[in-house]
Each structure stands twice: as structure tokens, then as C-alpha cells.
PDB file of N, CA and C in Angstrom:
ATOM      1  N   MET A   1      22.442  30.038  34.167  1.00  0.00           N
ATOM      2  CA  MET A   1      21.136  29.675  33.672  1.00  0.00           C
ATOM      3  C   MET A   1      20.259  30.927  33.644  1.00  0.00           C
ATOM      4  N   ALA A   2      19.591  31.131  32.553  1.00  0.00           N
ATOM      5  CA  ALA A   2      18.756  32.322  32.391  1.00  0.00           C
ATOM      6  C   ALA A   2      17.346  32.042  32.897  1.00  0.00           C
ATOM      7  N   ALA A   3      16.669  33.101  33.253  1.00  0.00           N
ATOM      8  CA  ALA A   3      15.291  32.971  33.728  1.00  0.00           C
ATOM      9  C   ALA A   3      14.391  32.602  32.558  1.00  0.00           C
ATOM     10  N   PRO A   4      13.292  31.860  32.856  1.00  0.00           N
ATOM     11  CA  PRO A   4      12.385  31.483  31.762  1.00  0.00           C
ATOM     12  C   PRO A   4      11.823  32.724  31.085  1.00  0.00           C
ATOM     13  N   GLY A   5      11.774  32.678  29.778  1.00  0.00           N
ATOM     14  CA  GLY A   5      11.229  33.783  29.014  1.00  0.00           C
ATOM     15  C   GLY A   5      12.171  34.959  28.870  1.00  0.00           C
ATOM     16  N   SER A   6      13.447  34.795  29.237  1.00  0.00           N
ATOM     17  CA  SER A   6      14.379  35.924  29.173  1.00  0.00           C
ATOM     18  C   SER A   6      15.108  35.986  27.838  1.00  0.00           C
ATOM     19  N   GLY A   7      14.681  35.196  26.891  1.00  0.00           N
ATOM     20  CA  GLY A   7      15.321  35.257  25.589  1.00  0.00           C
ATOM     21  C   GLY A   7      16.250  34.093  25.337  1.00  0.00           C
ATOM     22  N   ASP A   8      16.476  33.238  26.343  1.00  0.00           N
ATOM     23  CA  ASP A   8      17.298  32.058  26.160  1.00  0.00           C
ATOM     24  C   ASP A   8      16.569  31.123  25.199  1.00  0.00           C
ATOM     25  N   PRO A   9      17.197  30.693  24.097  1.00  0.00           N
ATOM     26  CA  PRO A   9      16.477  29.899  23.108  1.00  0.00           C
ATOM     27  C   PRO A   9      16.021  28.536  23.623  1.00  0.00           C
ATOM     28  N   LEU A  10      16.744  27.954  24.561  1.00  0.00           N
ATOM     29  CA  LEU A  10      16.344  26.662  25.092  1.00  0.00           C
ATOM     30  C   LEU A  10      16.332  26.714  26.610  1.00  0.00           C
ATOM     31  N   ASP A  11      15.334  26.081  27.195  1.00  0.00           N
ATOM     32  CA  ASP A  11      15.277  25.969  28.648  1.00  0.00           C
ATOM     33  C   ASP A  11      16.317  24.922  29.043  1.00  0.00           C
ATOM     34  N   ALA A  12      17.176  25.234  30.002  1.00  0.00           N
ATOM     35  CA  ALA A  12      18.294  24.356  30.348  1.00  0.00           C
ATOM     36  C   ALA A  12      17.815  23.023  30.910  1.00  0.00           C
ATOM     37  N   LYS A  13      16.711  23.014  31.664  1.00  0.00           N
ATOM     38  CA  LYS A  13      16.245  21.775  32.285  1.00  0.00           C
ATOM     39  C   LYS A  13      15.576  20.855  31.264  1.00  0.00           C
ATOM     40  N   ASN A  14      14.640  21.384  30.535  1.00  0.00           N
ATOM     41  CA  ASN A  14      13.823  20.554  29.652  1.00  0.00           C
ATOM     42  C   ASN A  14      14.332  20.507  28.224  1.00  0.00           C
ATOM     43  N   GLU A  15      15.244  21.378  27.884  1.00  0.00           N
ATOM     44  CA  GLU A  15      15.745  21.512  26.528  1.00  0.00           C
ATOM     45  C   GLU A  15      14.607  21.740  25.542  1.00  0.00           C
ATOM     46  N   LYS A  16      13.613  22.515  25.958  1.00  0.00           N
ATOM     47  CA  LYS A  16      12.496  22.866  25.091  1.00  0.00           C
ATOM     48  C   LYS A  16      12.500  24.370  24.895  1.00  0.00           C
ATOM     49  N   ALA A  17      11.982  24.788  23.766  1.00  0.00           N
ATOM     50  CA  ALA A  17      11.890  26.220  23.501  1.00  0.00           C
ATOM     51  C   ALA A  17      10.819  26.830  24.400  1.00  0.00           C
ATOM     52  N   PRO A  18      11.041  28.027  24.918  1.00  0.00           N
ATOM     53  CA  PRO A  18      10.016  28.661  25.757  1.00  0.00           C
ATOM     54  C   PRO A  18       8.823  29.083  24.902  1.00  0.00           C
ATOM     55  N   PHE A  19       7.681  29.175  25.526  1.00  0.00           N
ATOM     56  CA  PHE A  19       6.485  29.583  24.798  1.00  0.00           C
ATOM     57  C   PHE A  19       5.820  30.733  25.531  1.00  0.00           C
ATOM     58  N   ALA A  20       4.971  31.417  24.838  1.00  0.00           N
ATOM     59  CA  ALA A  20       4.322  32.603  25.388  1.00  0.00           C
ATOM     60  C   ALA A  20       3.335  32.206  26.485  1.00  0.00           C
ATOM     61  N   GLN A  21       3.278  33.003  27.504  1.00  0.00           N
ATOM     62  CA  GLN A  21       2.322  32.777  28.588  1.00  0.00           C
ATOM     63  C   GLN A  21       1.132  33.691  28.387  1.00  0.00           C
ATOM     64  N   ARG A  22      -0.035  33.189  28.752  1.00  0.00           N
ATOM     65  CA  ARG A  22      -1.238  34.019  28.673  1.00  0.00           C
ATOM     66  C   ARG A  22      -1.203  35.053  29.783  1.00  0.00           C
ATOM     67  N   ILE A  23      -1.563  36.262  29.429  1.00  0.00           N
ATOM     68  CA  ILE A  23      -1.666  37.310  30.439  1.00  0.00           C
ATOM     69  C   ILE A  23      -3.005  38.012  30.254  1.00  0.00           C
ATOM     70  N   ASP A  24      -3.480  38.572  31.328  1.00  0.00           N
ATOM     71  CA  ASP A  24      -4.726  39.325  31.300  1.00  0.00           C
ATOM     72  C   ASP A  24      -4.365  40.801  31.344  1.00  0.00           C
ATOM     73  N   PRO A  25      -4.543  41.526  30.232  1.00  0.00           N
ATOM     74  CA  PRO A  25      -4.128  42.933  30.213  1.00  0.00           C
ATOM     75  C   PRO A  25      -4.934  43.807  31.169  1.00  0.00           C
ATOM     76  N   THR A  26      -6.090  43.350  31.612  1.00  0.00           N
ATOM     77  CA  THR A  26      -6.859  44.156  32.559  1.00  0.00           C
ATOM     78  C   THR A  26      -6.290  44.057  33.965  1.00  0.00           C
ATOM     79  N   ARG A  27      -5.653  42.946  34.277  1.00  0.00           N
ATOM     80  CA  ARG A  27      -5.092  42.759  35.628  1.00  0.00           C
ATOM     81  C   ARG A  27      -3.657  43.254  35.735  1.00  0.00           C
ATOM     82  N   GLU A  28      -2.891  42.996  34.691  1.00  0.00           N
ATOM     83  CA  GLU A  28      -1.481  43.372  34.715  1.00  0.00           C
ATOM     84  C   GLU A  28      -1.313  44.732  34.046  1.00  0.00           C
ATOM     85  N   LYS A  29      -0.503  45.555  34.645  1.00  0.00           N
ATOM     86  CA  LYS A  29      -0.237  46.873  34.082  1.00  0.00           C
ATOM     87  C   LYS A  29       0.766  46.714  32.944  1.00  0.00           C
ATOM     88  N   LEU A  30       0.323  47.034  31.736  1.00  0.00           N
ATOM     89  CA  LEU A  30       1.193  46.947  30.577  1.00  0.00           C
ATOM     90  C   LEU A  30       1.405  48.348  30.014  1.00  0.00           C
ATOM     91  N   THR A  31       2.562  48.508  29.428  1.00  0.00           N
ATOM     92  CA  THR A  31       2.868  49.808  28.828  1.00  0.00           C
ATOM     93  C   THR A  31       2.096  49.937  27.512  1.00  0.00           C
ATOM     94  N   PRO A  32       1.886  51.153  27.053  1.00  0.00           N
ATOM     95  CA  PRO A  32       1.217  51.335  25.758  1.00  0.00           C
ATOM     96  C   PRO A  32       1.951  50.630  24.617  1.00  0.00           C
ATOM     97  N   ALA A  33       3.273  50.565  24.697  1.00  0.00           N
ATOM     98  CA  ALA A  33       4.045  49.880  23.659  1.00  0.00           C
ATOM     99  C   ALA A  33       3.736  48.383  23.671  1.00  0.00           C
ATOM    100  N   GLN A  34       3.622  47.798  24.875  1.00  0.00           N
ATOM    101  CA  GLN A  34       3.294  46.378  24.974  1.00  0.00           C
ATOM    102  C   GLN A  34       1.879  46.105  24.446  1.00  0.00           C
ATOM    103  N   LEU A  35       0.932  46.975  24.794  1.00  0.00           N
ATOM    104  CA  LEU A  35      -0.430  46.814  24.297  1.00  0.00           C
ATOM    105  C   LEU A  35      -0.479  46.937  22.777  1.00  0.00           C
ATOM    106  N   HIS A  36       0.280  47.873  22.220  1.00  0.00           N
ATOM    107  CA  HIS A  36       0.332  48.047  20.771  1.00  0.00           C
ATOM    108  C   HIS A  36       0.917  46.803  20.102  1.00  0.00           C
ATOM    109  N   PHE A  37       1.977  46.274  20.705  1.00  0.00           N
ATOM    110  CA  PHE A  37       2.594  45.063  20.161  1.00  0.00           C
ATOM    111  C   PHE A  37       1.623  43.889  20.209  1.00  0.00           C
ATOM    112  N   MET A  38       0.874  43.768  21.321  1.00  0.00           N
ATOM    113  CA  MET A  38      -0.114  42.693  21.432  1.00  0.00           C
ATOM    114  C   MET A  38      -1.172  42.820  20.333  1.00  0.00           C
ATOM    115  N   ARG A  39      -1.635  44.030  20.087  1.00  0.00           N
ATOM    116  CA  ARG A  39      -2.633  44.244  19.038  1.00  0.00           C
ATOM    117  C   ARG A  39      -2.072  43.887  17.666  1.00  0.00           C
ATOM    118  N   GLN A  40      -0.804  44.244  17.427  1.00  0.00           N
ATOM    119  CA  GLN A  40      -0.176  43.914  16.144  1.00  0.00           C
ATOM    120  C   GLN A  40      -0.084  42.404  15.956  1.00  0.00           C
ATOM    121  N   VAL A  41       0.295  41.689  17.004  1.00  0.00           N
ATOM    122  CA  VAL A  41       0.421  40.235  16.923  1.00  0.00           C
ATOM    123  C   VAL A  41      -0.959  39.607  16.704  1.00  0.00           C
ATOM    124  N   GLN A  42      -1.968  40.086  17.428  1.00  0.00           N
ATOM    125  CA  GLN A  42      -3.322  39.557  17.253  1.00  0.00           C
ATOM    126  C   GLN A  42      -3.821  39.798  15.834  1.00  0.00           C
ATOM    127  N   LEU A  43      -3.559  40.982  15.300  1.00  0.00           N
ATOM    128  CA  LEU A  43      -3.972  41.302  13.936  1.00  0.00           C
ATOM    129  C   LEU A  43      -3.258  40.400  12.938  1.00  0.00           C
ATOM    130  N   ALA A  44      -1.972  40.162  13.153  1.00  0.00           N
ATOM    131  CA  ALA A  44      -1.213  39.293  12.250  1.00  0.00           C
ATOM    132  C   ALA A  44      -1.756  37.863  12.294  1.00  0.00           C
ATOM    133  N   GLN A  45      -2.081  37.373  13.480  1.00  0.00           N
ATOM    134  CA  GLN A  45      -2.647  36.024  13.600  1.00  0.00           C
ATOM    135  C   GLN A  45      -4.012  35.950  12.926  1.00  0.00           C
ATOM    136  N   TRP A  46      -4.818  36.988  13.106  1.00  0.00           N
ATOM    137  CA  TRP A  46      -6.148  37.012  12.510  1.00  0.00           C
ATOM    138  C   TRP A  46      -6.049  37.020  10.988  1.00  0.00           C
ATOM    139  N   GLN A  47      -5.119  37.841  10.447  1.00  0.00           N
ATOM    140  CA  GLN A  47      -4.952  37.908   8.999  1.00  0.00           C
ATOM    141  C   GLN A  47      -4.385  36.611   8.437  1.00  0.00           C
ATOM    142  N   LYS A  48      -3.619  35.911   9.229  1.00  0.00           N
ATOM    143  CA  LYS A  48      -3.027  34.647   8.792  1.00  0.00           C
ATOM    144  C   LYS A  48      -4.107  33.582   8.609  1.00  0.00           C
ATOM    145  N   THR A  49      -5.101  33.574   9.492  1.00  0.00           N
ATOM    146  CA  THR A  49      -6.154  32.552   9.421  1.00  0.00           C
ATOM    147  C   THR A  49      -7.353  33.000   8.589  1.00  0.00           C
ATOM    148  N   LEU A  50      -7.367  34.251   8.137  1.00  0.00           N
ATOM    149  CA  LEU A  50      -8.518  34.783   7.403  1.00  0.00           C
ATOM    150  C   LEU A  50      -8.849  34.006   6.131  1.00  0.00           C
ATOM    151  N   PRO A  51      -7.899  33.701   5.248  1.00  0.00           N
ATOM    152  CA  PRO A  51      -8.265  32.977   4.016  1.00  0.00           C
ATOM    153  C   PRO A  51      -8.869  31.598   4.299  1.00  0.00           C
ATOM    154  N   GLN A  52      -8.302  30.891   5.273  1.00  0.00           N
ATOM    155  CA  GLN A  52      -8.830  29.562   5.606  1.00  0.00           C
ATOM    156  C   GLN A  52     -10.239  29.684   6.170  1.00  0.00           C
ATOM    157  N   ARG A  53     -10.453  30.662   7.029  1.00  0.00           N
ATOM    158  CA  ARG A  53     -11.770  30.878   7.615  1.00  0.00           C
ATOM    159  C   ARG A  53     -12.776  31.277   6.543  1.00  0.00           C
ATOM    160  N   ARG A  54     -12.347  32.143   5.622  1.00  0.00           N
ATOM    161  CA  ARG A  54     -13.229  32.586   4.548  1.00  0.00           C
ATOM    162  C   ARG A  54     -13.635  31.401   3.671  1.00  0.00           C
ATOM    163  N   THR A  55     -12.668  30.529   3.348  1.00  0.00           N
ATOM    164  CA  THR A  55     -12.966  29.355   2.535  1.00  0.00           C
ATOM    165  C   THR A  55     -13.961  28.450   3.249  1.00  0.00           C
ATOM    166  N   ARG A  56     -13.741  28.220   4.523  1.00  0.00           N
ATOM    167  CA  ARG A  56     -14.678  27.380   5.285  1.00  0.00           C
ATOM    168  C   ARG A  56     -16.068  27.993   5.312  1.00  0.00           C
ATOM    169  N   ASN A  57     -16.140  29.312   5.506  1.00  0.00           N
ATOM    170  CA  ASN A  57     -17.444  29.974   5.535  1.00  0.00           C
ATOM    171  C   ASN A  57     -18.160  29.852   4.193  1.00  0.00           C
ATOM    172  N   ILE A  58     -17.433  30.000   3.108  1.00  0.00           N
ATOM    173  CA  ILE A  58     -18.040  29.879   1.773  1.00  0.00           C
ATOM    174  C   ILE A  58     -18.543  28.460   1.550  1.00  0.00           C
ATOM    175  N   VAL A  59     -17.736  27.473   1.886  1.00  0.00           N
ATOM    176  CA  VAL A  59     -18.139  26.076   1.706  1.00  0.00           C
ATOM    177  C   VAL A  59     -19.356  25.758   2.575  1.00  0.00           C
ATOM    178  N   THR A  60     -19.353  26.233   3.810  1.00  0.00           N
ATOM    179  CA  THR A  60     -20.491  26.007   4.695  1.00  0.00           C
ATOM    180  C   THR A  60     -21.749  26.677   4.146  1.00  0.00           C
ATOM    181  N   GLY A  61     -21.618  27.914   3.678  1.00  0.00           N
ATOM    182  CA  GLY A  61     -22.760  28.624   3.112  1.00  0.00           C
ATOM    183  C   GLY A  61     -23.311  27.927   1.876  1.00  0.00           C
ATOM    184  N   LEU A  62     -22.418  27.473   1.005  1.00  0.00           N
ATOM    185  CA  LEU A  62     -22.874  26.755  -0.189  1.00  0.00           C
ATOM    186  C   LEU A  62     -23.546  25.435   0.180  1.00  0.00           C
ATOM    187  N   GLY A  63     -23.010  24.747   1.183  1.00  0.00           N
ATOM    188  CA  GLY A  63     -23.623  23.494   1.622  1.00  0.00           C
ATOM    189  C   GLY A  63     -25.018  23.704   2.187  1.00  0.00           C
ATOM    190  N   ILE A  64     -25.167  24.721   3.022  1.00  0.00           N
ATOM    191  CA  ILE A  64     -26.483  25.023   3.602  1.00  0.00           C
ATOM    192  C   ILE A  64     -27.449  25.455   2.505  1.00  0.00           C
ATOM    193  N   GLY A  65     -26.972  26.284   1.571  1.00  0.00           N
ATOM    194  CA  GLY A  65     -27.812  26.717   0.464  1.00  0.00           C
ATOM    195  C   GLY A  65     -28.259  25.550  -0.399  1.00  0.00           C
ATOM    196  N   ALA A  66     -27.352  24.621  -0.678  1.00  0.00           N
ATOM    197  CA  ALA A  66     -27.703  23.440  -1.471  1.00  0.00           C
ATOM    198  C   ALA A  66     -28.733  22.586  -0.744  1.00  0.00           C
ATOM    199  N   LEU A  67     -28.583  22.445   0.559  1.00  0.00           N
ATOM    200  CA  LEU A  67     -29.545  21.671   1.339  1.00  0.00           C
ATOM    201  C   LEU A  67     -30.926  22.321   1.299  1.00  0.00           C
ATOM    202  N   VAL A  68     -30.973  23.629   1.446  1.00  0.00           N
ATOM    203  CA  VAL A  68     -32.252  24.354   1.403  1.00  0.00           C
ATOM    204  C   VAL A  68     -32.908  24.193   0.036  1.00  0.00           C
ATOM    205  N   LEU A  69     -32.129  24.349  -1.031  1.00  0.00           N
ATOM    206  CA  LEU A  69     -32.686  24.190  -2.375  1.00  0.00           C
ATOM    207  C   LEU A  69     -33.161  22.760  -2.623  1.00  0.00           C
ATOM    208  N   ALA A  70     -32.434  21.788  -2.088  1.00  0.00           N
ATOM    209  CA  ALA A  70     -32.850  20.390  -2.253  1.00  0.00           C
ATOM    210  C   ALA A  70     -34.180  20.130  -1.540  1.00  0.00           C
ATOM    211  N   ILE A  71     -34.308  20.639  -0.328  1.00  0.00           N
ATOM    212  CA  ILE A  71     -35.566  20.458   0.406  1.00  0.00           C
ATOM    213  C   ILE A  71     -36.706  21.167  -0.324  1.00  0.00           C
ATOM    214  N   TYR A  72     -36.458  22.379  -0.790  1.00  0.00           N
ATOM    215  CA  TYR A  72     -37.451  23.160  -1.511  1.00  0.00           C
ATOM    216  C   TYR A  72     -37.881  22.424  -2.790  1.00  0.00           C
ATOM    217  N   GLY A  73     -36.907  21.942  -3.550  1.00  0.00           N
ATOM    218  CA  GLY A  73     -37.200  21.207  -4.784  1.00  0.00           C
ATOM    219  C   GLY A  73     -37.959  19.924  -4.518  1.00  0.00           C
ATOM    220  N   TYR A  74     -37.544  19.188  -3.504  1.00  0.00           N
ATOM    221  CA  TYR A  74     -38.229  17.941  -3.173  1.00  0.00           C
ATOM    222  C   TYR A  74     -39.677  18.209  -2.761  1.00  0.00           C
ATOM    223  N   THR A  75     -39.891  19.289  -2.025  1.00  0.00           N
ATOM    224  CA  THR A  75     -41.246  19.641  -1.597  1.00  0.00           C
ATOM    225  C   THR A  75     -42.124  19.916  -2.818  1.00  0.00           C
ATOM    226  N   PHE A  76     -41.618  20.705  -3.766  1.00  0.00           N
ATOM    227  CA  PHE A  76     -42.390  20.978  -4.977  1.00  0.00           C
ATOM    228  C   PHE A  76     -42.644  19.704  -5.759  1.00  0.00           C
ATOM    229  N   TYR A  77     -41.641  18.848  -5.860  1.00  0.00           N
ATOM    230  CA  TYR A  77     -41.792  17.593  -6.587  1.00  0.00           C
ATOM    231  C   TYR A  77     -42.844  16.708  -5.937  1.00  0.00           C
ATOM    232  N   SER A  78     -42.778  16.567  -4.623  1.00  0.00           N
ATOM    233  CA  SER A  78     -43.731  15.675  -3.948  1.00  0.00           C
ATOM    234  C   SER A  78     -45.143  16.237  -3.988  1.00  0.00           C
ATOM    235  N   VAL A  79     -45.301  17.559  -3.923  1.00  0.00           N
ATOM    236  CA  VAL A  79     -46.636  18.148  -3.996  1.00  0.00           C
ATOM    237  C   VAL A  79     -47.194  17.978  -5.414  1.00  0.00           C
ATOM    238  N   SER A  80     -46.359  18.116  -6.422  1.00  0.00           N
ATOM    239  CA  SER A  80     -46.851  17.955  -7.798  1.00  0.00           C
ATOM    240  C   SER A  80     -47.233  16.505  -8.076  1.00  0.00           C
ATOM    241  N   GLN A  81     -46.632  15.560  -7.384  1.00  0.00           N
ATOM    242  CA  GLN A  81     -46.948  14.146  -7.569  1.00  0.00           C
ATOM    243  C   GLN A  81     -48.152  13.710  -6.738  1.00  0.00           C
ATOM    244  N   GLU A  82     -48.572  14.551  -5.856  1.00  0.00           N
ATOM    245  CA  GLU A  82     -49.631  14.181  -4.936  1.00  0.00           C
ATOM    246  C   GLU A  82     -50.975  14.215  -5.651  1.00  0.00           C
ATOM    247  N   ARG A  83     -51.651  13.115  -5.640  1.00  0.00           N
ATOM    248  CA  ARG A  83     -52.960  12.992  -6.274  1.00  0.00           C
ATOM    249  C   ARG A  83     -54.053  12.815  -5.232  1.00  0.00           C
ATOM    250  N   PHE A  84     -53.695  13.026  -3.997  1.00  0.00           N
ATOM    251  CA  PHE A  84     -54.626  12.793  -2.893  1.00  0.00           C
ATOM    252  C   PHE A  84     -55.862  13.684  -3.009  1.00  0.00           C
ATOM    253  N   LEU A  85     -55.642  14.973  -3.243  1.00  0.00           N
ATOM    254  CA  LEU A  85     -56.767  15.901  -3.340  1.00  0.00           C
ATOM    255  C   LEU A  85     -57.617  15.632  -4.581  1.00  0.00           C
ATOM    256  N   ASP A  86     -56.971  15.229  -5.664  1.00  0.00           N
ATOM    257  CA  ASP A  86     -57.717  14.900  -6.871  1.00  0.00           C
ATOM    258  C   ASP A  86     -58.633  13.704  -6.624  1.00  0.00           C
ATOM    259  N   GLU A  87     -58.121  12.695  -5.908  1.00  0.00           N
ATOM    260  CA  GLU A  87     -58.934  11.513  -5.599  1.00  0.00           C
ATOM    261  C   GLU A  87     -60.109  11.888  -4.703  1.00  0.00           C
ATOM    262  N   LEU A  88     -59.850  12.762  -3.721  1.00  0.00           N
ATOM    263  CA  LEU A  88     -60.943  13.202  -2.845  1.00  0.00           C
ATOM    264  C   LEU A  88     -62.012  13.958  -3.637  1.00  0.00           C
ATOM    265  N   GLU A  89     -61.548  14.793  -4.565  1.00  0.00           N
ATOM    266  CA  GLU A  89     -62.493  15.552  -5.382  1.00  0.00           C
ATOM    267  C   GLU A  89     -63.329  14.623  -6.258  1.00  0.00           C
ATOM    268  N   ASP A  90     -62.712  13.595  -6.834  1.00  0.00           N
ATOM    269  CA  ASP A  90     -63.451  12.625  -7.651  1.00  0.00           C
ATOM    270  C   ASP A  90     -64.476  11.875  -6.809  1.00  0.00           C
ATOM    271  N   GLU A  91     -64.077  11.486  -5.596  1.00  0.00           N
ATOM    272  CA  GLU A  91     -65.014  10.788  -4.701  1.00  0.00           C
ATOM    273  C   GLU A  91     -66.169  11.698  -4.301  1.00  0.00           C
ATOM    274  N   ALA A  92     -65.874  12.986  -4.081  1.00  0.00           N
ATOM    275  CA  ALA A  92     -66.937  13.932  -3.728  1.00  0.00           C
ATOM    276  C   ALA A  92     -67.918  14.097  -4.889  1.00  0.00           C
ATOM    277  N   LYS A  93     -67.399  14.166  -6.116  1.00  0.00           N
ATOM    278  CA  LYS A  93     -68.277  14.267  -7.285  1.00  0.00           C
ATOM    279  C   LYS A  93     -69.158  13.026  -7.397  1.00  0.00           C
ATOM    280  N   ALA A  94     -68.576  11.864  -7.188  1.00  0.00           N
ATOM    281  CA  ALA A  94     -69.347  10.619  -7.269  1.00  0.00           C
ATOM    282  C   ALA A  94     -70.407  10.577  -6.172  1.00  0.00           C
ATOM    283  N   ALA A  95     -70.057  11.036  -4.968  1.00  0.00           N
ATOM    284  CA  ALA A  95     -71.031  11.047  -3.869  1.00  0.00           C
ATOM    285  C   ALA A  95     -72.169  12.019  -4.172  1.00  0.00           C
ATOM    286  N   ARG A  96     -71.842  13.170  -4.758  1.00  0.00           N
ATOM    287  CA  ARG A  96     -72.891  14.137  -5.127  1.00  0.00           C
ATOM    288  C   ARG A  96     -73.809  13.547  -6.198  1.00  0.00           C
ATOM    289  N   ALA A  97     -73.193  12.857  -7.154  1.00  0.00           N
ATOM    290  CA  ALA A  97     -74.000  12.244  -8.224  1.00  0.00           C
ATOM    291  C   ALA A  97     -74.925  11.182  -7.641  1.00  0.00           C
ATOM    292  N   ARG A  98     -74.412  10.363  -6.694  1.00  0.00           N
ATOM    293  CA  ARG A  98     -75.267   9.338  -6.053  1.00  0.00           C
ATOM    294  C   ARG A  98     -76.378   9.981  -5.251  1.00  0.00           C
ATOM    295  N   ALA A  99     -76.042  11.077  -4.536  1.00  0.00           N
ATOM    296  CA  ALA A  99     -77.050  11.768  -3.755  1.00  0.00           C
ATOM    297  C   ALA A  99     -78.112  12.384  -4.661  1.00  0.00           C
ATOM    298  N   LEU A 100     -77.712  12.943  -5.787  1.00  0.00           N
ATOM    299  CA  LEU A 100     -78.674  13.489  -6.737  1.00  0.00           C
ATOM    300  C   LEU A 100     -79.546  12.380  -7.328  1.00  0.00           C
ATOM    301  N   ALA A 101     -78.934  11.236  -7.630  1.00  0.00           N
ATOM    302  CA  ALA A 101     -79.677  10.119  -8.204  1.00  0.00           C
ATOM    303  C   ALA A 101     -80.695   9.613  -7.192  1.00  0.00           C
ATOM    304  N   ARG A 102     -80.323   9.537  -5.918  1.00  0.00           N
ATOM    305  CA  ARG A 102     -81.269   9.077  -4.883  1.00  0.00           C
ATOM    306  C   ARG A 102     -82.406  10.106  -4.693  1.00  0.00           C
ATOM    307  N   ALA A 103     -82.006  11.383  -4.704  1.00  0.00           N
ATOM    308  CA  ALA A 103     -83.006  12.421  -4.477  1.00  0.00           C
ATOM    309  C   ALA A 103     -83.994  12.509  -5.632  1.00  0.00           C
ATOM    310  N   SER A 104     -83.513  12.324  -6.847  1.00  0.00           N
ATOM    311  CA  SER A 104     -84.404  12.442  -7.988  1.00  0.00           C
ATOM    312  C   SER A 104     -85.070  11.106  -8.323  1.00  0.00           C
ATOM    313  N   GLY A 105     -84.505  10.031  -7.852  1.00  0.00           N
ATOM    314  CA  GLY A 105     -85.065   8.708  -8.148  1.00  0.00           C
ATOM    315  C   GLY A 105     -86.263   8.380  -7.280  1.00  0.00           C
ATOM    316  N   PRO A 106     -87.055   7.350  -7.695  1.00  0.00           N
ATOM    317  CA  PRO A 106     -88.283   7.016  -6.973  1.00  0.00           C
ATOM    318  C   PRO A 106     -88.048   6.407  -5.646  1.00  0.00           C
TER     319      PRO A 106
END
């Protein structure tokens, strides 16, 4: 029986393939070749997931941009439909006219 991680394709007890163990390169002394290999593997994994990550980022950015434009557009639409200030201005004109009529009237 081979030791775990020694290259044996199947673990004799569990009949499962061995998997990589996490190591902390700051605690364990690794050779420069091992560190280089780790960097190569990390780079390969990063490049493998890059297109999927890029697509997600683009979709997320477009979604956020669409939401911002929708809020911006709705704000302009609702402000253009708002007649509140116009009504206040009309009431103020009417009040001024009544005040002038009272002041000039007997």
C-alpha cells in the first residue's frame, strides 16, 4: 500500500482518487521549483476562470448601468409631469390679485 499522495491513482481503503492538500508556503519550507510550480498552477486556474468572470462582470456592469439610467429617466419624467409648483404659482398670483383688489377697493 502506498502512502497518501505518493502518486498511487486510488487510495486502497476508500477507493477514491487523492486530492491536493492545502499548504501554507510561509510556514512550510518549499523549494524554488515548488513555488514556481504553484505559481504556474495558480496562473493556469486564474486564466481558466477569466472569461467566465469577465462575462459576469460585463453583465453586472450593464445591469447596474441600466438601473441607473432607468432611475435617472424616471426622475426626469416625474419632474416634467409635476405640476405642483405651477399650481402654487397660480394660487400665489390669485392671492396677490385678491390682496391688490382689497387694498385698492373701498
